[in-house]
């Protein structure tokens, strides 16, 4: 473990994309950030488990459509490991309902490949810090693509989840659903950042959710008309 008074180790990133040019471009771009380190790049979702074992990344940038194992199944398998790395979906398909499935499987973020370099770097930093990296506009589009019956069922499930929370837990959950960072939630609810993190951890456990992105989706679904 690094000395708390010394420099923090760089955030270790694994790139998963079947396009060698994309992998090279992302490696070059992320390499320009002093606090990030690309530890490996692989071309297929089937290679992810071995790469994680070998390189212990903190974050995986995951494409969806690959010639072998797709990013959704790779994310599902990865997030079921003990202490898995965070996953950010990085794709060209912003209206693809497969992306929604990937988020359901535990991805912490979703970005388009034309996101500016600073946006991708910021997303990596955010998910490591426990914050989501998911565009609200993308969330709305994904939810809108659900068929009515599925949307109705998910809305009812989401409302049942929120109903199991205490009043204070619901306040925190709603703030997470609005995309607010921990510091802002703490200031608005008059509590410490550590207390906010504690509430979020208890909410995720109580709701059987994997991360705060899934919690934000539950809040969006519960509040849908």
Protein backbone atom coordinates (compact mmCIF):
# COMPACT_ATOMS: atom_id res chain seq x y z
CA UNK A 1 0.00 0.00 0.00
CA UNK A 2 1.30 3.47 -0.90
CA UNK A 3 2.25 5.91 1.86
CA UNK A 4 -0.76 8.16 2.43
CA UNK A 5 1.61 11.12 2.54
CA UNK A 6 3.36 10.21 -0.68
CA UNK A 7 2.24 10.27 -4.32
CA UNK A 8 -0.62 7.99 -5.22
CA UNK A 9 0.09 5.17 -7.66
CA UNK A 10 -1.26 5.75 -11.18
CA UNK A 11 -4.70 4.45 -12.13
CA UNK A 12 -4.15 1.25 -14.10
CA UNK A 13 -6.23 0.94 -17.28
CA UNK A 14 -6.95 -2.05 -19.51
CA UNK A 15 -8.26 -1.33 -23.03
CA UNK A 16 -10.53 -3.90 -24.70
CA UNK A 17 -11.27 -3.23 -28.37
CA UNK A 18 -10.91 -5.32 -31.51
CA UNK A 19 -9.63 -2.33 -33.51
CA UNK A 20 -5.85 -2.05 -33.15
CA UNK A 21 -5.93 1.62 -34.17
CA UNK A 22 -8.46 2.41 -31.43
CA UNK A 23 -6.31 0.63 -28.85
CA UNK A 24 -3.22 2.51 -30.01
CA UNK A 25 -5.03 5.85 -30.01
CA UNK A 26 -6.45 5.36 -26.53
CA UNK A 27 -3.07 4.22 -25.22
CA UNK A 28 -1.41 7.34 -26.60
CA UNK A 29 -4.15 9.62 -25.31
CA UNK A 30 -4.34 8.17 -21.80
CA UNK A 31 -0.56 8.05 -21.60
CA UNK A 32 -0.57 11.85 -21.63
CA UNK A 33 -2.18 11.93 -18.18
CA UNK A 34 0.40 11.64 -15.42
CA UNK A 35 -1.96 9.79 -13.08
CA UNK A 36 -3.06 7.13 -15.61
CA UNK A 37 -1.17 4.09 -16.87
CA UNK A 38 -2.34 1.80 -19.67
CA UNK A 39 -1.18 -1.63 -18.52
CA UNK A 40 -2.45 -3.68 -21.47
CA UNK A 41 -4.75 -3.82 -24.45
CA UNK A 42 -6.64 -6.86 -25.75
CA UNK A 43 -8.74 -7.44 -28.84
CA UNK A 44 -11.54 -9.63 -27.54
CA UNK A 45 -13.76 -9.94 -24.50
CA UNK A 46 -12.61 -13.50 -24.06
CA UNK A 47 -9.12 -12.23 -23.23
CA UNK A 48 -10.28 -9.93 -20.44
CA UNK A 49 -10.13 -12.36 -17.52
CA UNK A 50 -6.54 -13.38 -18.23
CA UNK A 51 -5.52 -9.76 -18.77
CA UNK A 52 -7.06 -8.73 -15.45
CA UNK A 53 -5.24 -11.58 -13.70
CA UNK A 54 -1.95 -10.55 -15.29
CA UNK A 55 -2.15 -6.76 -14.97
CA UNK A 56 -4.60 -5.96 -12.11
CA UNK A 57 -6.21 -2.90 -13.75
CA UNK A 58 -8.34 -0.46 -11.79
CA UNK A 59 -10.48 0.39 -14.82
CA UNK A 60 -11.39 -1.46 -18.02
CA UNK A 61 -12.38 0.53 -21.11
CA UNK A 62 -14.69 -1.94 -22.87
CA UNK A 63 -16.00 -1.92 -26.43
CA UNK A 64 -19.35 -3.65 -27.00
CA UNK A 65 -19.24 -5.18 -30.46
CA UNK A 66 -16.17 -7.32 -30.96
CA UNK A 67 -15.49 -10.22 -33.27
CA UNK A 68 -15.25 -12.70 -30.38
CA UNK A 69 -16.87 -12.42 -26.95
CA UNK A 70 -18.85 -9.18 -26.83
CA UNK A 71 -18.42 -6.48 -24.22
CA UNK A 72 -21.71 -7.20 -22.47
CA UNK A 73 -20.86 -10.78 -21.63
CA UNK A 74 -17.27 -9.81 -20.82
CA UNK A 75 -18.59 -7.17 -18.40
CA UNK A 76 -20.98 -9.66 -16.79
CA UNK A 77 -18.20 -12.17 -16.19
CA UNK A 78 -15.75 -9.54 -14.99
CA UNK A 79 -18.09 -7.86 -12.51
CA UNK A 80 -18.83 -11.20 -10.85
CA UNK A 81 -15.20 -11.61 -9.81
CA UNK A 82 -14.14 -10.72 -6.27
CA UNK A 83 -13.02 -7.07 -6.12
CA UNK A 84 -13.47 -6.48 -9.86
CA UNK A 85 -12.13 -3.43 -11.69
CA UNK A 86 -14.54 -0.72 -12.77
CA UNK A 87 -15.83 -0.96 -16.34
CA UNK A 88 -16.51 1.94 -18.69
CA UNK A 89 -18.31 1.09 -21.91
CA UNK A 90 -16.65 2.97 -24.77
CA UNK A 91 -18.56 2.55 -28.03
CA UNK A 92 -20.08 4.20 -31.08
CA UNK A 93 -23.58 2.84 -30.35
CA UNK A 94 -25.28 5.46 -28.15
CA UNK A 95 -28.82 4.23 -28.92
CA UNK A 96 -28.09 0.52 -28.69
CA UNK A 97 -30.12 -1.23 -26.00
CA UNK A 98 -27.22 -3.62 -25.55
CA UNK A 99 -25.52 -0.74 -23.75
CA UNK A 100 -28.35 -0.67 -21.21
CA UNK A 101 -27.79 -4.37 -20.63
CA UNK A 102 -24.09 -3.72 -20.09
CA UNK A 103 -24.89 -1.12 -17.43
CA UNK A 104 -27.22 -3.62 -15.80
CA UNK A 105 -24.32 -6.04 -15.68
CA UNK A 106 -22.31 -3.60 -13.58
CA UNK A 107 -20.54 -1.14 -15.88
CA UNK A 108 -19.82 2.14 -14.11
CA UNK A 109 -20.01 4.35 -17.16
CA UNK A 110 -20.84 4.78 -20.82
CA UNK A 111 -19.00 7.02 -23.27
CA UNK A 112 -19.03 7.47 -27.01
CA UNK A 113 -15.74 7.01 -28.82
CA UNK A 114 -15.93 10.60 -30.07
CA UNK A 115 -15.83 11.87 -26.47
CA UNK A 116 -13.01 14.47 -26.17
CA UNK A 117 -9.80 13.06 -24.67
CA UNK A 118 -10.20 15.07 -21.49
CA UNK A 119 -13.70 13.60 -21.07
CA UNK A 120 -12.38 10.03 -21.23
CA UNK A 121 -9.56 10.83 -18.80
CA UNK A 122 -12.04 12.47 -16.42
CA UNK A 123 -14.37 9.45 -16.66
CA UNK A 124 -11.57 7.08 -15.65
CA UNK A 125 -10.77 9.23 -12.64
CA UNK A 126 -14.43 9.53 -11.68
CA UNK A 127 -15.24 5.82 -11.66
CA UNK A 128 -12.17 5.06 -9.56
CA UNK A 129 -13.44 7.66 -7.10
CA UNK A 130 -16.82 5.95 -6.93
CA UNK A 131 -18.61 8.41 -9.19
CA UNK A 132 -20.53 7.40 -12.33
CA UNK A 133 -19.44 8.45 -15.79
CA UNK A 134 -22.76 8.32 -17.59
CA UNK A 135 -24.34 11.05 -19.66
CA UNK A 136 -27.89 11.90 -18.46
CA UNK A 137 -28.97 12.27 -22.09
CA UNK A 138 -27.72 8.77 -22.83
CA UNK A 139 -29.59 7.43 -19.79
CA UNK A 140 -32.84 8.96 -21.05
CA UNK A 141 -32.34 7.54 -24.54
CA UNK A 142 -31.58 4.07 -23.22
CA UNK A 143 -34.61 4.04 -20.96
CA UNK A 144 -36.77 5.31 -23.84
CA UNK A 145 -35.74 2.27 -25.91
CA UNK A 146 -37.28 -0.18 -23.47
CA UNK A 147 -40.47 -1.79 -24.68
CA UNK A 148 -43.53 -0.55 -22.70
CA UNK A 149 -44.10 -3.82 -20.85
CA UNK A 150 -40.49 -4.07 -19.78
CA UNK A 151 -40.43 -0.41 -18.82
CA UNK A 152 -43.56 -0.86 -16.68
CA UNK A 153 -42.09 -3.86 -14.88
CA UNK A 154 -38.78 -2.11 -14.24
CA UNK A 155 -40.61 0.98 -12.95
CA UNK A 156 -42.58 -1.12 -10.47
CA UNK A 157 -39.43 -2.95 -9.36
CA UNK A 158 -37.59 0.35 -8.94
CA UNK A 159 -40.37 1.83 -6.82
CA UNK A 160 -40.33 -1.23 -4.58
CA UNK A 161 -36.59 -0.79 -4.11
CA UNK A 162 -36.96 2.84 -3.06
CA UNK A 163 -39.87 1.97 -0.78
CA UNK A 164 -37.55 -0.27 1.27
CA UNK A 165 -35.24 2.65 2.04
CA UNK A 166 -35.45 4.93 5.05
CA UNK A 167 -36.34 8.57 4.47
CA UNK A 168 -32.68 9.61 4.76
CA UNK A 169 -31.56 6.83 2.45
CA UNK A 170 -34.12 7.94 -0.12
CA UNK A 171 -32.75 11.49 0.03
CA UNK A 172 -29.28 10.20 -0.70
CA UNK A 173 -30.55 7.88 -3.44
CA UNK A 174 -32.44 10.70 -5.16
CA UNK A 175 -29.32 12.87 -5.06
CA UNK A 176 -27.31 10.06 -6.66
CA UNK A 177 -30.01 9.75 -9.32
CA UNK A 178 -29.57 13.46 -10.08
CA UNK A 179 -25.90 12.83 -10.80
CA UNK A 180 -24.62 14.78 -7.81
CA UNK A 181 -21.11 13.98 -6.52
CA UNK A 182 -20.59 12.94 -2.93
CA UNK A 183 -19.27 16.34 -1.85
CA UNK A 184 -22.36 18.14 -3.11
CA UNK A 185 -24.70 15.56 -1.54
CA UNK A 186 -22.88 16.01 1.76
CA UNK A 187 -23.21 19.80 1.63
CA UNK A 188 -26.90 19.74 0.71
CA UNK A 189 -27.86 17.12 3.29
CA UNK A 190 -25.60 18.51 6.02
CA UNK A 191 -23.48 15.43 6.54
CA UNK A 192 -19.87 14.44 5.97
CA UNK A 193 -18.63 12.89 2.72
CA UNK A 194 -17.79 9.76 4.71
CA UNK A 195 -21.37 9.56 5.95
CA UNK A 196 -22.66 9.92 2.38
CA UNK A 197 -20.41 7.06 1.27
CA UNK A 198 -21.72 4.98 4.16
CA UNK A 199 -25.32 5.65 3.16
CA UNK A 200 -24.61 4.75 -0.47
CA UNK A 201 -22.91 1.52 0.57
CA UNK A 202 -25.92 0.54 2.74
CA UNK A 203 -28.38 1.48 -0.01
CA UNK A 204 -26.52 -0.66 -2.58
CA UNK A 205 -26.50 -3.60 -0.16
CA UNK A 206 -30.18 -3.19 0.75
CA UNK A 207 -31.20 -2.86 -2.91
CA UNK A 208 -28.87 -5.67 -4.13
CA UNK A 209 -27.18 -3.27 -6.55
CA UNK A 210 -23.59 -3.37 -7.72
CA UNK A 211 -22.75 0.33 -8.02
CA UNK A 212 -24.16 3.86 -8.01
CA UNK A 213 -24.81 3.84 -11.76
CA UNK A 214 -27.33 1.06 -11.22
CA UNK A 215 -28.78 3.05 -8.32
CA UNK A 216 -29.14 6.12 -10.55
CA UNK A 217 -30.98 4.02 -13.14
CA UNK A 218 -33.34 2.69 -10.44
CA UNK A 219 -34.10 6.27 -9.37
CA UNK A 220 -34.73 7.36 -12.97
CA UNK A 221 -37.08 4.41 -13.52
CA UNK A 222 -38.94 4.94 -10.24
CA UNK A 223 -39.55 8.60 -11.05
CA UNK A 224 -40.68 7.97 -14.64
CA UNK A 225 -44.31 8.96 -15.28
